[in-house]
Protein backbone atom coordinates (compact mmCIF):
# COMPACT_ATOMS: atom_id res chain seq x y z
CA MET A 1 70.67 83.65 103.22
CA PRO A 2 71.74 81.71 100.11
CA GLU A 3 75.39 80.83 99.61
CA PRO A 4 77.04 83.36 97.24
CA LYS A 5 77.76 82.07 93.78
CA PRO A 6 81.45 81.58 93.09
CA ASP A 7 83.19 83.97 90.75
CA PRO A 8 83.75 82.02 87.49
CA CYS A 9 87.02 83.89 86.92
CA LEU A 10 88.36 82.63 90.24
CA GLU A 11 87.13 79.11 89.53
CA TYR A 12 89.11 79.15 86.33
CA ALA A 13 92.19 80.69 87.96
CA PHE A 14 92.04 78.46 91.06
CA PRO A 15 90.13 75.31 90.05
CA ASN A 16 91.21 73.28 93.10
CA VAL A 17 90.40 75.90 95.75
CA ALA A 18 87.28 75.63 97.89
CA THR A 19 84.46 78.03 97.02
CA ARG A 20 84.53 79.73 100.44
CA THR A 21 88.26 80.36 100.07
CA GLN A 22 87.63 81.85 96.62
CA GLU A 23 85.01 84.17 98.06
CA VAL A 24 87.30 85.31 100.88
CA ILE A 25 90.20 85.99 98.53
CA ARG A 26 87.95 87.73 96.03
CA GLY A 27 86.44 89.82 98.83
CA LEU A 28 89.89 90.81 100.09
CA TYR A 29 91.05 91.85 96.62
CA ARG A 30 87.89 93.73 95.67
CA SER A 31 87.53 95.45 99.06
CA ARG A 32 91.17 96.50 99.00
CA ASN A 33 90.84 97.90 95.49
CA LEU A 34 87.62 99.77 96.25
CA LEU A 35 89.01 101.23 99.49
CA TRP A 36 92.20 102.19 97.65
CA GLU A 37 90.22 104.06 94.97
CA HIS A 38 88.01 105.70 97.58
CA ASP A 39 90.89 106.88 99.79
CA HIS A 40 92.93 108.04 96.79
CA ALA A 41 90.01 110.20 95.61
CA ILE A 42 89.88 111.91 99.02
CA VAL A 43 93.64 112.49 99.02
CA GLU A 44 93.60 113.83 95.46
CA ALA A 45 90.69 116.16 96.31
CA ALA A 46 92.98 117.60 98.99
CA GLY A 47 95.53 118.38 96.28
CA LEU A 48 98.03 115.68 97.20
CA SER A 49 99.29 112.52 95.58
CA TRP A 50 99.11 109.34 97.65
CA GLY A 51 102.89 109.38 98.06
CA GLN A 52 102.85 112.99 99.23
CA ALA A 53 100.17 112.20 101.81
CA GLN A 54 102.18 109.20 103.06
CA THR A 55 105.28 111.40 103.27
CA LEU A 56 103.44 113.99 105.37
CA ILE A 57 102.02 111.25 107.60
CA ALA A 58 105.53 109.80 108.12
CA LEU A 59 106.77 113.24 109.15
CA LEU A 60 103.75 113.80 111.41
CA ARG A 61 104.48 110.53 113.26
CA THR A 62 108.08 111.61 113.91
CA GLU A 63 107.89 113.26 117.33
CA PRO A 64 108.77 115.77 118.54
CA ASP A 65 110.30 117.68 115.63
CA HIS A 66 108.50 116.10 112.62
CA CYS A 67 111.82 115.88 110.81
CA LEU A 68 113.48 113.06 108.82
CA SER A 69 116.22 112.58 106.27
CA PRO A 70 115.11 112.00 102.66
CA THR A 71 116.60 108.48 102.91
CA ARG A 72 114.48 107.66 105.96
CA LEU A 73 111.45 109.12 104.21
CA TYR A 74 111.79 107.01 101.10
CA ASP A 75 112.26 103.94 103.32
CA GLU A 76 109.13 104.86 105.30
CA VAL A 77 107.04 105.61 102.21
CA GLN A 78 108.62 102.86 100.08
CA ALA A 79 109.40 105.26 97.25
CA SER A 80 112.46 105.46 95.06
CA SER A 81 114.92 108.24 95.79
CA GLY A 82 113.93 109.91 92.50
CA GLY A 83 110.25 109.61 93.33
CA MET A 84 110.86 111.00 96.79
CA SER A 85 112.79 113.95 95.36
CA LYS A 86 109.85 114.77 93.10
CA MET A 87 107.33 114.45 95.96
CA LEU A 88 109.45 116.63 98.23
CA ALA A 89 109.80 119.30 95.55
CA GLY A 90 106.00 119.51 95.30
CA LEU A 91 105.56 119.56 99.08
CA GLU A 92 108.22 122.24 99.41
CA ALA A 93 106.56 124.37 96.72
CA SER A 94 103.21 124.12 98.54
CA GLY A 95 104.80 125.08 101.87
CA ASP A 96 104.05 121.75 103.56
CA VAL A 97 107.72 120.93 104.22
CA VAL A 98 111.03 122.78 104.42
CA ARG A 99 114.61 121.58 104.13
CA VAL A 100 116.76 122.27 107.16
CA ASP A 101 120.42 121.72 107.98
CA ASN A 102 121.27 118.32 109.43
CA PRO A 103 123.15 118.92 112.70
CA GLY A 104 124.57 115.37 112.51
CA ASP A 105 125.88 115.66 108.93
CA ARG A 106 126.69 118.98 107.28
CA ARG A 107 126.62 117.33 103.84
CA SER A 108 122.90 116.56 104.01
CA ARG A 109 119.65 118.33 104.73
CA LEU A 110 116.63 117.10 106.62
CA VAL A 111 112.96 117.47 105.72
CA ARG A 112 110.73 119.12 108.33
CA LEU A 113 106.95 119.34 108.37
CA THR A 114 105.77 122.96 108.55
CA GLU A 115 102.84 124.12 110.69
CA PRO A 116 100.64 124.52 107.56
CA GLY A 117 101.71 121.05 106.42
CA LYS A 118 100.94 119.64 109.86
CA ALA A 119 97.48 121.22 109.82
CA ARG A 120 96.85 119.95 106.28
CA ILE A 121 97.81 116.33 106.94
CA THR A 122 96.11 116.26 110.34
CA GLU A 123 92.85 117.37 108.72
CA LEU A 124 93.23 114.89 105.85
CA ALA A 125 93.99 112.01 108.25
CA ARG A 126 90.94 112.98 110.34
CA GLU A 127 88.74 112.99 107.23
CA LEU A 128 90.02 109.61 106.03
CA GLY A 129 89.52 108.17 109.51
CA GLU A 130 85.97 109.47 109.81
CA VAL A 131 84.95 108.34 106.32
CA ASN A 132 86.43 104.86 106.73
CA THR A 133 85.00 104.48 110.25
CA ALA A 134 81.53 105.40 108.99
CA LEU A 135 81.91 102.99 106.07
CA LEU A 136 82.88 100.06 108.32
CA GLU A 137 80.16 100.88 110.84
CA GLU A 138 77.56 100.64 108.05
CA VAL A 139 78.62 97.05 107.39
CA LEU A 140 80.18 95.59 110.55
CA SER A 141 79.35 95.77 114.24
CA ALA A 142 82.08 96.70 116.71
CA ASP A 143 82.49 93.00 117.61
CA GLU A 144 82.73 92.01 113.95
CA GLN A 145 85.33 94.72 113.34
CA ALA A 146 87.38 93.44 116.29
CA GLN A 147 87.13 89.85 115.00
CA LEU A 148 88.10 90.92 111.49
CA ALA A 149 91.04 92.97 112.76
CA ALA A 150 92.26 90.00 114.81
CA ALA A 151 91.88 87.66 111.82
CA PHE A 152 93.85 90.05 109.60
CA GLN A 153 96.60 90.28 112.23
CA ARG A 154 96.87 86.48 112.30
CA LEU A 155 96.82 86.26 108.50
CA GLU A 156 99.43 88.99 108.14
CA ALA A 157 101.70 87.34 110.74
CA ARG A 158 101.39 83.98 109.00
CA LEU A 159 102.08 85.43 105.57
CA ALA A 160 105.07 87.38 106.92
CA ALA A 161 106.45 84.21 108.49
CA LYS A 162 106.28 82.44 105.10
CA ARG A 163 108.51 85.01 103.37
């Protein structure tokens, strides 16, 4: 198989970087962007914004009561407090979450995932998982997926250590 031609835009942007490195970085960026678009389309088809889906997933992971404070939610989802308020208003209106009294602080209210919200996000997460699994299986063997996952873990750890 012939060596892929380097992307001229990357050559210009990174003139002193080896061609293979350019291809890896370009592949990471493009794959991330294409997966992002693909997953967002699935989430939007389900009638949710990406932030709303991430909020429901954060609540789903919170066992056993699927309940968090708005502050914890915006930390989990990495949203601003204003953005979180808007997302929660939409999720409340759709019946996916409810506000409940906070037994630890009478001045605040918690956000709880409802049974319909739990069913909705569980189904969406299942669909995303199946679609992305099928996509990866079309391109990578199980061994290649394991190698790639391990390489990403090492890369992520190294990048985090450089912060």
